[in-house]
Amino acid sequence: MITLTKQDLIRLGFGPTQSQNIIRMSKYHMVQQGYSYYNSKRLGRVPVHAVEEILGISLDYTPLNEVSANG
């Protein structure tokens, strides 16, 4: 499962506050789906599919470690 952080969203072009809000909403969405793991204030990483559901768009995202390993 590929996950995103606030810093990843900033690299994709979102602002810092907007990125933080997207992570918060994605965590809330995951908790509503029954994943209580995401109910942690210290957790700042969410699945890409959760962010895509919040934004309503598909993200073309490749994690940095895959880019450096392949490129």
PDB file of N, CA and C in Angstrom:
ATOM      1  N   MET A   1       0.848  -1.172   0.000  1.00  0.00           N
ATOM      2  CA  MET A   1       0.000   0.000   0.000  1.00  0.00           C
ATOM      3  C   MET A   1       0.900   1.244   0.000  1.00  0.00           C
ATOM      4  N   ILE A   2       0.627   2.136  -0.913  1.00  0.00           N
ATOM      5  CA  ILE A   2       1.385   3.379  -1.008  1.00  0.00           C
ATOM      6  C   ILE A   2       0.715   4.420  -0.115  1.00  0.00           C
ATOM      7  N   THR A   3       1.531   5.127   0.647  1.00  0.00           N
ATOM      8  CA  THR A   3       1.006   6.139   1.563  1.00  0.00           C
ATOM      9  C   THR A   3       1.593   7.510   1.239  1.00  0.00           C
ATOM     10  N   LEU A   4       0.924   8.531   1.757  1.00  0.00           N
ATOM     11  CA  LEU A   4       1.347   9.916   1.567  1.00  0.00           C
ATOM     12  C   LEU A   4       1.491  10.613   2.908  1.00  0.00           C
ATOM     13  N   THR A   5       2.393  11.584   2.963  1.00  0.00           N
ATOM     14  CA  THR A   5       2.538  12.451   4.124  1.00  0.00           C
ATOM     15  C   THR A   5       2.248  13.888   3.694  1.00  0.00           C
ATOM     16  N   LYS A   6       2.242  14.770   4.656  1.00  0.00           N
ATOM     17  CA  LYS A   6       2.055  16.194   4.364  1.00  0.00           C
ATOM     18  C   LYS A   6       3.133  16.683   3.398  1.00  0.00           C
ATOM     19  N   GLN A   7       4.366  16.261   3.611  1.00  0.00           N
ATOM     20  CA  GLN A   7       5.469  16.691   2.750  1.00  0.00           C
ATOM     21  C   GLN A   7       5.296  16.182   1.319  1.00  0.00           C
ATOM     22  N   ASP A   8       4.763  14.984   1.167  1.00  0.00           N
ATOM     23  CA  ASP A   8       4.494  14.449  -0.171  1.00  0.00           C
ATOM     24  C   ASP A   8       3.461  15.305  -0.889  1.00  0.00           C
ATOM     25  N   LEU A   9       2.411  15.703  -0.169  1.00  0.00           N
ATOM     26  CA  LEU A   9       1.372  16.549  -0.771  1.00  0.00           C
ATOM     27  C   LEU A   9       1.934  17.915  -1.149  1.00  0.00           C
ATOM     28  N   ILE A  10       2.827  18.442  -0.338  1.00  0.00           N
ATOM     29  CA  ILE A  10       3.466  19.726  -0.664  1.00  0.00           C
ATOM     30  C   ILE A  10       4.277  19.585  -1.947  1.00  0.00           C
ATOM     31  N   ARG A  11       5.008  18.462  -2.105  1.00  0.00           N
ATOM     32  CA  ARG A  11       5.767  18.217  -3.334  1.00  0.00           C
ATOM     33  C   ARG A  11       4.859  18.097  -4.558  1.00  0.00           C
ATOM     34  N   LEU A  12       3.613  17.682  -4.324  1.00  0.00           N
ATOM     35  CA  LEU A  12       2.653  17.564  -5.422  1.00  0.00           C
ATOM     36  C   LEU A  12       2.003  18.907  -5.773  1.00  0.00           C
ATOM     37  N   GLY A  13       2.293  19.948  -4.979  1.00  0.00           N
ATOM     38  CA  GLY A  13       1.796  21.277  -5.320  1.00  0.00           C
ATOM     39  C   GLY A  13       0.764  21.864  -4.379  1.00  0.00           C
ATOM     40  N   PHE A  14       0.388  21.137  -3.341  1.00  0.00           N
ATOM     41  CA  PHE A  14      -0.555  21.669  -2.367  1.00  0.00           C
ATOM     42  C   PHE A  14       0.195  22.540  -1.356  1.00  0.00           C
ATOM     43  N   GLY A  15      -0.481  23.509  -0.782  1.00  0.00           N
ATOM     44  CA  GLY A  15       0.125  24.353   0.237  1.00  0.00           C
ATOM     45  C   GLY A  15       0.267  23.604   1.548  1.00  0.00           C
ATOM     46  N   PRO A  16       1.097  24.127   2.467  1.00  0.00           N
ATOM     47  CA  PRO A  16       1.320  23.443   3.750  1.00  0.00           C
ATOM     48  C   PRO A  16       0.045  23.252   4.571  1.00  0.00           C
ATOM     49  N   THR A  17      -0.763  24.284   4.692  1.00  0.00           N
ATOM     50  CA  THR A  17      -1.993  24.176   5.476  1.00  0.00           C
ATOM     51  C   THR A  17      -2.992  23.264   4.782  1.00  0.00           C
ATOM     52  N   GLN A  18      -3.104  23.408   3.480  1.00  0.00           N
ATOM     53  CA  GLN A  18      -4.010  22.561   2.708  1.00  0.00           C
ATOM     54  C   GLN A  18      -3.586  21.092   2.818  1.00  0.00           C
ATOM     55  N   SER A  19      -2.299  20.830   2.760  1.00  0.00           N
ATOM     56  CA  SER A  19      -1.789  19.466   2.879  1.00  0.00           C
ATOM     57  C   SER A  19      -2.123  18.878   4.245  1.00  0.00           C
ATOM     58  N   GLN A  20      -1.941  19.672   5.276  1.00  0.00           N
ATOM     59  CA  GLN A  20      -2.250  19.220   6.631  1.00  0.00           C
ATOM     60  C   GLN A  20      -3.740  18.901   6.766  1.00  0.00           C
ATOM     61  N   ASN A  21      -4.589  19.737   6.193  1.00  0.00           N
ATOM     62  CA  ASN A  21      -6.034  19.502   6.255  1.00  0.00           C
ATOM     63  C   ASN A  21      -6.435  18.253   5.479  1.00  0.00           C
ATOM     64  N   ILE A  22      -5.788  18.013   4.347  1.00  0.00           N
ATOM     65  CA  ILE A  22      -6.083  16.813   3.553  1.00  0.00           C
ATOM     66  C   ILE A  22      -5.717  15.563   4.348  1.00  0.00           C
ATOM     67  N   ILE A  23      -4.579  15.579   5.025  1.00  0.00           N
ATOM     68  CA  ILE A  23      -4.162  14.444   5.857  1.00  0.00           C
ATOM     69  C   ILE A  23      -5.181  14.229   6.973  1.00  0.00           C
ATOM     70  N   ARG A  24      -5.592  15.302   7.635  1.00  0.00           N
ATOM     71  CA  ARG A  24      -6.585  15.197   8.712  1.00  0.00           C
ATOM     72  C   ARG A  24      -7.897  14.588   8.220  1.00  0.00           C
ATOM     73  N   MET A  25      -8.396  15.093   7.092  1.00  0.00           N
ATOM     74  CA  MET A  25      -9.654  14.585   6.552  1.00  0.00           C
ATOM     75  C   MET A  25      -9.518  13.129   6.120  1.00  0.00           C
ATOM     76  N   SER A  26      -8.367  12.769   5.586  1.00  0.00           N
ATOM     77  CA  SER A  26      -8.136  11.386   5.165  1.00  0.00           C
ATOM     78  C   SER A  26      -8.094  10.450   6.371  1.00  0.00           C
ATOM     79  N   LYS A  27      -7.460  10.898   7.444  1.00  0.00           N
ATOM     80  CA  LYS A  27      -7.420  10.098   8.665  1.00  0.00           C
ATOM     81  C   LYS A  27      -8.829   9.907   9.218  1.00  0.00           C
ATOM     82  N   TYR A  28      -9.618  10.969   9.230  1.00  0.00           N
ATOM     83  CA  TYR A  28     -10.992  10.884   9.713  1.00  0.00           C
ATOM     84  C   TYR A  28     -11.785   9.902   8.851  1.00  0.00           C
ATOM     85  N   HIS A  29     -11.592   9.977   7.551  1.00  0.00           N
ATOM     86  CA  HIS A  29     -12.266   9.079   6.610  1.00  0.00           C
ATOM     87  C   HIS A  29     -11.899   7.617   6.910  1.00  0.00           C
ATOM     88  N   MET A  30     -10.623   7.365   7.159  1.00  0.00           N
ATOM     89  CA  MET A  30     -10.181   6.004   7.448  1.00  0.00           C
ATOM     90  C   MET A  30     -10.777   5.500   8.765  1.00  0.00           C
ATOM     91  N   VAL A  31     -10.859   6.357   9.774  1.00  0.00           N
ATOM     92  CA  VAL A  31     -11.461   5.975  11.055  1.00  0.00           C
ATOM     93  C   VAL A  31     -12.935   5.641  10.852  1.00  0.00           C
ATOM     94  N   GLN A  32     -13.630   6.431  10.032  1.00  0.00           N
ATOM     95  CA  GLN A  32     -15.043   6.172   9.758  1.00  0.00           C
ATOM     96  C   GLN A  32     -15.250   4.835   9.051  1.00  0.00           C
ATOM     97  N   GLN A  33     -14.246   4.386   8.311  1.00  0.00           N
ATOM     98  CA  GLN A  33     -14.318   3.095   7.625  1.00  0.00           C
ATOM     99  C   GLN A  33     -13.953   1.935   8.553  1.00  0.00           C
ATOM    100  N   GLY A  34     -13.604   2.250   9.799  1.00  0.00           N
ATOM    101  CA  GLY A  34     -13.317   1.206  10.770  1.00  0.00           C
ATOM    102  C   GLY A  34     -11.849   0.961  11.058  1.00  0.00           C
ATOM    103  N   TYR A  35     -10.965   1.783  10.507  1.00  0.00           N
ATOM    104  CA  TYR A  35      -9.527   1.636  10.755  1.00  0.00           C
ATOM    105  C   TYR A  35      -9.116   2.536  11.916  1.00  0.00           C
ATOM    106  N   SER A  36      -9.299   2.044  13.139  1.00  0.00           N
ATOM    107  CA  SER A  36      -9.024   2.854  14.329  1.00  0.00           C
ATOM    108  C   SER A  36      -7.544   3.224  14.466  1.00  0.00           C
ATOM    109  N   TYR A  37      -6.677   2.531  13.743  1.00  0.00           N
ATOM    110  CA  TYR A  37      -5.243   2.845  13.743  1.00  0.00           C
ATOM    111  C   TYR A  37      -4.996   4.306  13.386  1.00  0.00           C
ATOM    112  N   TYR A  38      -5.826   4.861  12.524  1.00  0.00           N
ATOM    113  CA  TYR A  38      -5.648   6.235  12.056  1.00  0.00           C
ATOM    114  C   TYR A  38      -6.203   7.270  13.034  1.00  0.00           C
ATOM    115  N   ASN A  39      -6.642   6.841  14.202  1.00  0.00           N
ATOM    116  CA  ASN A  39      -7.177   7.747  15.208  1.00  0.00           C
ATOM    117  C   ASN A  39      -6.067   8.281  16.124  1.00  0.00           C
ATOM    118  N   SER A  40      -4.852   8.320  15.640  1.00  0.00           N
ATOM    119  CA  SER A  40      -3.696   8.780  16.409  1.00  0.00           C
ATOM    120  C   SER A  40      -3.292  10.184  15.956  1.00  0.00           C
ATOM    121  N   LYS A  41      -3.082  11.070  16.915  1.00  0.00           N
ATOM    122  CA  LYS A  41      -2.667  12.436  16.581  1.00  0.00           C
ATOM    123  C   LYS A  41      -1.253  12.479  16.012  1.00  0.00           C
ATOM    124  N   ARG A  42      -0.441  11.516  16.370  1.00  0.00           N
ATOM    125  CA  ARG A  42       0.956  11.522  15.939  1.00  0.00           C
ATOM    126  C   ARG A  42       1.158  10.923  14.549  1.00  0.00           C
ATOM    127  N   LEU A  43       0.152  10.238  14.049  1.00  0.00           N
ATOM    128  CA  LEU A  43       0.261   9.596  12.747  1.00  0.00           C
ATOM    129  C   LEU A  43       0.046  10.630  11.646  1.00  0.00           C
ATOM    130  N   GLY A  44       0.982  10.726  10.722  1.00  0.00           N
ATOM    131  CA  GLY A  44       0.889  11.706   9.650  1.00  0.00           C
ATOM    132  C   GLY A  44       0.998  11.093   8.274  1.00  0.00           C
ATOM    133  N   ARG A  45       0.665   9.823   8.153  1.00  0.00           N
ATOM    134  CA  ARG A  45       0.792   9.095   6.895  1.00  0.00           C
ATOM    135  C   ARG A  45      -0.523   8.380   6.620  1.00  0.00           C
ATOM    136  N   VAL A  46      -1.063   8.574   5.413  1.00  0.00           N
ATOM    137  CA  VAL A  46      -2.344   7.966   5.050  1.00  0.00           C
ATOM    138  C   VAL A  46      -2.234   7.303   3.672  1.00  0.00           C
ATOM    139  N   PRO A  47      -3.090   6.320   3.399  1.00  0.00           N
ATOM    140  CA  PRO A  47      -3.058   5.671   2.084  1.00  0.00           C
ATOM    141  C   PRO A  47      -3.435   6.644   0.965  1.00  0.00           C
ATOM    142  N   VAL A  48      -2.832   6.463  -0.189  1.00  0.00           N
ATOM    143  CA  VAL A  48      -3.111   7.308  -1.350  1.00  0.00           C
ATOM    144  C   VAL A  48      -4.592   7.251  -1.700  1.00  0.00           C
ATOM    145  N   HIS A  49      -5.193   6.059  -1.606  1.00  0.00           N
ATOM    146  CA  HIS A  49      -6.603   5.942  -1.990  1.00  0.00           C
ATOM    147  C   HIS A  49      -7.507   6.789  -1.094  1.00  0.00           C
ATOM    148  N   ALA A  50      -7.131   6.979   0.174  1.00  0.00           N
ATOM    149  CA  ALA A  50      -7.930   7.815   1.073  1.00  0.00           C
ATOM    150  C   ALA A  50      -7.858   9.277   0.638  1.00  0.00           C
ATOM    151  N   VAL A  51      -6.673   9.731   0.249  1.00  0.00           N
ATOM    152  CA  VAL A  51      -6.506  11.107  -0.229  1.00  0.00           C
ATOM    153  C   VAL A  51      -7.281  11.293  -1.536  1.00  0.00           C
ATOM    154  N   GLU A  52      -7.215  10.309  -2.412  1.00  0.00           N
ATOM    155  CA  GLU A  52      -7.935  10.394  -3.687  1.00  0.00           C
ATOM    156  C   GLU A  52      -9.441  10.489  -3.461  1.00  0.00           C
ATOM    157  N   GLU A  53      -9.950   9.758  -2.471  1.00  0.00           N
ATOM    158  CA  GLU A  53     -11.380   9.831  -2.171  1.00  0.00           C
ATOM    159  C   GLU A  53     -11.760  11.196  -1.627  1.00  0.00           C
ATOM    160  N   ILE A  54     -10.910  11.787  -0.810  1.00  0.00           N
ATOM    161  CA  ILE A  54     -11.177  13.119  -0.255  1.00  0.00           C
ATOM    162  C   ILE A  54     -11.149  14.159  -1.365  1.00  0.00           C
ATOM    163  N   LEU A  55     -10.143  14.096  -2.226  1.00  0.00           N
ATOM    164  CA  LEU A  55      -9.985  15.097  -3.287  1.00  0.00           C
ATOM    165  C   LEU A  55     -10.922  14.859  -4.471  1.00  0.00           C
ATOM    166  N   GLY A  56     -11.329  13.617  -4.666  1.00  0.00           N
ATOM    167  CA  GLY A  56     -12.185  13.286  -5.793  1.00  0.00           C
ATOM    168  C   GLY A  56     -11.448  13.198  -7.118  1.00  0.00           C
ATOM    169  N   ILE A  57     -10.130  13.044  -7.050  1.00  0.00           N
ATOM    170  CA  ILE A  57      -9.314  12.905  -8.255  1.00  0.00           C
ATOM    171  C   ILE A  57      -8.312  11.773  -8.051  1.00  0.00           C
ATOM    172  N   SER A  58      -7.777  11.285  -9.158  1.00  0.00           N
ATOM    173  CA  SER A  58      -6.749  10.268  -9.096  1.00  0.00           C
ATOM    174  C   SER A  58      -5.387  10.953  -9.107  1.00  0.00           C
ATOM    175  N   LEU A  59      -4.520  10.577  -8.178  1.00  0.00           N
ATOM    176  CA  LEU A  59      -3.189  11.177  -8.089  1.00  0.00           C
ATOM    177  C   LEU A  59      -2.176  10.322  -8.842  1.00  0.00           C
ATOM    178  N   ASP A  60      -1.328  10.964  -9.607  1.00  0.00           N
ATOM    179  CA  ASP A  60      -0.220  10.282 -10.270  1.00  0.00           C
ATOM    180  C   ASP A  60       0.981  10.451  -9.356  1.00  0.00           C
ATOM    181  N   TYR A  61       1.131   9.531  -8.412  1.00  0.00           N
ATOM    182  CA  TYR A  61       2.148   9.677  -7.377  1.00  0.00           C
ATOM    183  C   TYR A  61       3.063   8.464  -7.364  1.00  0.00           C
ATOM    184  N   THR A  62       4.359   8.715  -7.404  1.00  0.00           N
ATOM    185  CA  THR A  62       5.375   7.683  -7.251  1.00  0.00           C
ATOM    186  C   THR A  62       6.230   8.065  -6.051  1.00  0.00           C
ATOM    187  N   PRO A  63       6.315   7.199  -5.052  1.00  0.00           N
ATOM    188  CA  PRO A  63       7.135   7.514  -3.880  1.00  0.00           C
ATOM    189  C   PRO A  63       8.587   7.806  -4.270  1.00  0.00           C
ATOM    190  N   LEU A  64       9.226   8.681  -3.528  1.00  0.00           N
ATOM    191  CA  LEU A  64      10.604   9.079  -3.832  1.00  0.00           C
ATOM    192  C   LEU A  64      11.570   7.907  -3.824  1.00  0.00           C
ATOM    193  N   ASN A  65      11.387   6.954  -2.902  1.00  0.00           N
ATOM    194  CA  ASN A  65      12.319   5.827  -2.847  1.00  0.00           C
ATOM    195  C   ASN A  65      12.236   4.961  -4.099  1.00  0.00           C
ATOM    196  N   GLU A  66      11.050   4.891  -4.741  1.00  0.00           N
ATOM    197  CA  GLU A  66      10.935   4.134  -5.990  1.00  0.00           C
ATOM    198  C   GLU A  66      11.586   4.890  -7.140  1.00  0.00           C
ATOM    199  N   VAL A  67      11.495   6.201  -7.127  1.00  0.00           N
ATOM    200  CA  VAL A  67      12.093   7.014  -8.181  1.00  0.00           C
ATOM    201  C   VAL A  67      13.609   6.859  -8.143  1.00  0.00           C
ATOM    202  N   SER A  68      14.206   6.969  -6.963  1.00  0.00           N
ATOM    203  CA  SER A  68      15.663   6.878  -6.861  1.00  0.00           C
ATOM    204  C   SER A  68      16.164   5.462  -7.123  1.00  0.00           C
ATOM    205  N   ALA A  69      15.370   4.453  -6.809  1.00  0.00           N
ATOM    206  CA  ALA A  69      15.791   3.075  -7.024  1.00  0.00           C
ATOM    207  C   ALA A  69      15.737   2.711  -8.512  1.00  0.00           C
ATOM    208  N   ASN A  70      14.789   3.301  -9.230  1.00  0.00           N
ATOM    209  CA  ASN A  70      14.616   2.972 -10.640  1.00  0.00           C
ATOM    210  C   ASN A  70      15.245   3.985 -11.583  1.00  0.00           C
ATOM    211  N   GLY A  71      15.615   5.138 -11.065  1.00  0.00           N
ATOM    212  CA  GLY A  71      16.008   6.145 -12.004  1.00  0.00           C
ATOM    213  C   GLY A  71      17.325   6.703 -11.829  1.00  0.00           C
TER     214      GLY A  71
END
